[in-house]
Amino acid sequence: MGELMKRKFQLPRDNEKVKDVHIFLLVCSECVHFQALDLIYRSSAIERSTELAQSYADGAKKVLQELPHTTARDQLMQLADWAVSRGQ
C-alpha cells in the first residue's frame, strides 16, 4: 500500500489493488467481529451485564421514589425499566 501511495496511484492497476486491499480489510474485520460476538455469547457477559443494568435501574428507581409523585417521575421510572428490557 505504501508503494501505491508514493506513486500517487498513477499506474492503471493501482485502483484495483486498493479495492482488493479494502475488500480484504472488510473481510478480516468481519471475521474479528464474528469472533468477538462468539466469545460474548459463549460467556456469561450478557447475563452479567443485564444484572448490573438492573441493579442500577433499581437504585435509580429507589432514589426516584423519594421525589414527589409526578408524571415526570413515573416516566423516569418507566425509562429505567425500559433501558434494562430493551435488549431482551
C-alpha atoms as a PDB file:
ATOM      1  CA  MET A   1       0.000   0.000   0.000  1.00  0.00           C
ATOM      2  CA  GLY A   2       2.918   2.317   0.735  1.00  0.00           C
ATOM      3  CA  GLU A   3       4.204   1.921  -2.834  1.00  0.00           C
ATOM      4  CA  LEU A   4       0.824   2.902  -4.230  1.00  0.00           C
ATOM      5  CA  MET A   5       0.713   5.991  -2.091  1.00  0.00           C
ATOM      6  CA  LYS A   6       4.268   7.010  -3.013  1.00  0.00           C
ATOM      7  CA  ARG A   7       3.471   6.932  -6.712  1.00  0.00           C
ATOM      8  CA  LYS A   8       0.078   8.554  -6.039  1.00  0.00           C
ATOM      9  CA  PHE A   9      -1.900   5.695  -7.603  1.00  0.00           C
ATOM     10  CA  GLN A  10      -0.663   6.596 -11.080  1.00  0.00           C
ATOM     11  CA  LEU A  11      -0.416   3.099 -12.589  1.00  0.00           C
ATOM     12  CA  PRO A  12      -3.552   1.719 -14.278  1.00  0.00           C
ATOM     13  CA  ARG A  13      -3.913  -1.213 -11.892  1.00  0.00           C
ATOM     14  CA  ASP A  14      -3.360   0.799  -8.687  1.00  0.00           C
ATOM     15  CA  ASN A  15      -7.057   1.490  -8.104  1.00  0.00           C
ATOM     16  CA  GLU A  16      -7.860  -2.216  -8.447  1.00  0.00           C
ATOM     17  CA  LYS A  17      -5.176  -3.041  -5.884  1.00  0.00           C
ATOM     18  CA  VAL A  18      -6.720  -0.538  -3.480  1.00  0.00           C
ATOM     19  CA  LYS A  19     -10.126  -2.176  -3.951  1.00  0.00           C
ATOM     20  CA  ASP A  20      -8.587  -5.598  -3.265  1.00  0.00           C
ATOM     21  CA  VAL A  21      -6.939  -4.342  -0.070  1.00  0.00           C
ATOM     22  CA  HIS A  22     -10.178  -2.692   1.017  1.00  0.00           C
ATOM     23  CA  ILE A  23     -12.170  -5.905   0.481  1.00  0.00           C
ATOM     24  CA  PHE A  24      -9.530  -7.880   2.392  1.00  0.00           C
ATOM     25  CA  LEU A  25      -9.714  -5.470   5.317  1.00  0.00           C
ATOM     26  CA  LEU A  26     -13.517  -5.635   5.355  1.00  0.00           C
ATOM     27  CA  VAL A  27     -13.453  -9.438   5.412  1.00  0.00           C
ATOM     28  CA  CYS A  28     -10.830  -9.514   8.168  1.00  0.00           C
ATOM     29  CA  SER A  29     -12.691  -7.018  10.333  1.00  0.00           C
ATOM     30  CA  GLU A  30     -15.898  -9.004   9.815  1.00  0.00           C
ATOM     31  CA  CYS A  31     -14.117 -12.192  10.951  1.00  0.00           C
ATOM     32  CA  VAL A  32     -12.860 -10.443  14.075  1.00  0.00           C
ATOM     33  CA  HIS A  33     -16.364  -9.107  14.680  1.00  0.00           C
ATOM     34  CA  PHE A  34     -17.849 -12.604  14.484  1.00  0.00           C
ATOM     35  CA  GLN A  35     -15.146 -13.993  16.761  1.00  0.00           C
ATOM     36  CA  ALA A  36     -15.877 -11.305  19.327  1.00  0.00           C
ATOM     37  CA  LEU A  37     -19.613 -11.998  19.184  1.00  0.00           C
ATOM     38  CA  ASP A  38     -18.968 -15.718  19.562  1.00  0.00           C
ATOM     39  CA  LEU A  39     -16.901 -15.083  22.695  1.00  0.00           C
ATOM     40  CA  ILE A  40     -19.599 -12.838  24.133  1.00  0.00           C
ATOM     41  CA  TYR A  41     -22.408 -15.317  23.508  1.00  0.00           C
ATOM     42  CA  ARG A  42     -20.409 -18.243  24.914  1.00  0.00           C
ATOM     43  CA  SER A  43     -19.627 -16.339  28.105  1.00  0.00           C
ATOM     44  CA  SER A  44     -21.914 -15.020  30.821  1.00  0.00           C
ATOM     45  CA  ALA A  45     -21.206 -11.419  29.790  1.00  0.00           C
ATOM     46  CA  ILE A  46     -24.726 -10.664  28.593  1.00  0.00           C
ATOM     47  CA  GLU A  47     -26.385 -12.054  31.700  1.00  0.00           C
ATOM     48  CA  ARG A  48     -23.937 -10.282  33.984  1.00  0.00           C
ATOM     49  CA  SER A  49     -24.394  -7.005  32.109  1.00  0.00           C
ATOM     50  CA  THR A  50     -28.169  -7.317  32.346  1.00  0.00           C
ATOM     51  CA  GLU A  51     -27.950  -7.980  36.072  1.00  0.00           C
ATOM     52  CA  LEU A  52     -25.702  -4.949  36.532  1.00  0.00           C
ATOM     53  CA  ALA A  53     -28.046  -2.760  34.482  1.00  0.00           C
ATOM     54  CA  GLN A  54     -30.991  -3.993  36.548  1.00  0.00           C
ATOM     55  CA  SER A  55     -29.210  -3.135  39.785  1.00  0.00           C
ATOM     56  CA  TYR A  56     -28.533   0.401  38.513  1.00  0.00           C
ATOM     57  CA  ALA A  57     -32.154   0.749  37.397  1.00  0.00           C
ATOM     58  CA  ASP A  58     -33.396  -0.472  40.789  1.00  0.00           C
ATOM     59  CA  GLY A  59     -31.127   2.035  42.535  1.00  0.00           C
ATOM     60  CA  ALA A  60     -32.361   4.858  40.319  1.00  0.00           C
ATOM     61  CA  LYS A  61     -35.993   3.935  40.970  1.00  0.00           C
ATOM     62  CA  LYS A  62     -35.339   3.826  44.709  1.00  0.00           C
ATOM     63  CA  VAL A  63     -33.996   7.386  44.604  1.00  0.00           C
ATOM     64  CA  LEU A  64     -36.880   8.491  42.368  1.00  0.00           C
ATOM     65  CA  GLN A  65     -39.371   7.160  44.951  1.00  0.00           C
ATOM     66  CA  GLU A  66     -38.180   9.907  47.294  1.00  0.00           C
ATOM     67  CA  LEU A  67     -39.326  12.620  44.875  1.00  0.00           C
ATOM     68  CA  PRO A  68     -42.898  13.908  44.828  1.00  0.00           C
ATOM     69  CA  HIS A  69     -45.263  11.804  42.750  1.00  0.00           C
ATOM     70  CA  THR A  70     -45.431  13.411  39.299  1.00  0.00           C
ATOM     71  CA  THR A  71     -45.843  12.300  35.726  1.00  0.00           C
ATOM     72  CA  ALA A  72     -42.180  13.076  35.109  1.00  0.00           C
ATOM     73  CA  ARG A  73     -41.099  10.826  37.992  1.00  0.00           C
ATOM     74  CA  ASP A  74     -43.290   7.995  36.704  1.00  0.00           C
ATOM     75  CA  GLN A  75     -41.819   8.384  33.246  1.00  0.00           C
ATOM     76  CA  LEU A  76     -38.275   8.265  34.591  1.00  0.00           C
ATOM     77  CA  MET A  77     -39.103   5.059  36.455  1.00  0.00           C
ATOM     78  CA  GLN A  78     -40.523   3.561  33.277  1.00  0.00           C
ATOM     79  CA  LEU A  79     -37.411   4.674  31.402  1.00  0.00           C
ATOM     80  CA  ALA A  80     -35.215   2.808  33.882  1.00  0.00           C
ATOM     81  CA  ASP A  81     -37.226  -0.380  33.295  1.00  0.00           C
ATOM     82  CA  TRP A  82     -37.183   0.130  29.534  1.00  0.00           C
ATOM     83  CA  ALA A  83     -33.414   0.645  29.458  1.00  0.00           C
ATOM     84  CA  VAL A  84     -32.901  -2.783  31.025  1.00  0.00           C
ATOM     85  CA  SER A  85     -35.511  -4.659  28.995  1.00  0.00           C
ATOM     86  CA  ARG A  86     -34.830  -3.144  25.554  1.00  0.00           C
ATOM     87  CA  GLY A  87     -32.128  -5.662  24.616  1.00  0.00           C
ATOM     88  CA  GLN A  88     -34.079  -8.745  25.640  1.00  0.00           C
END
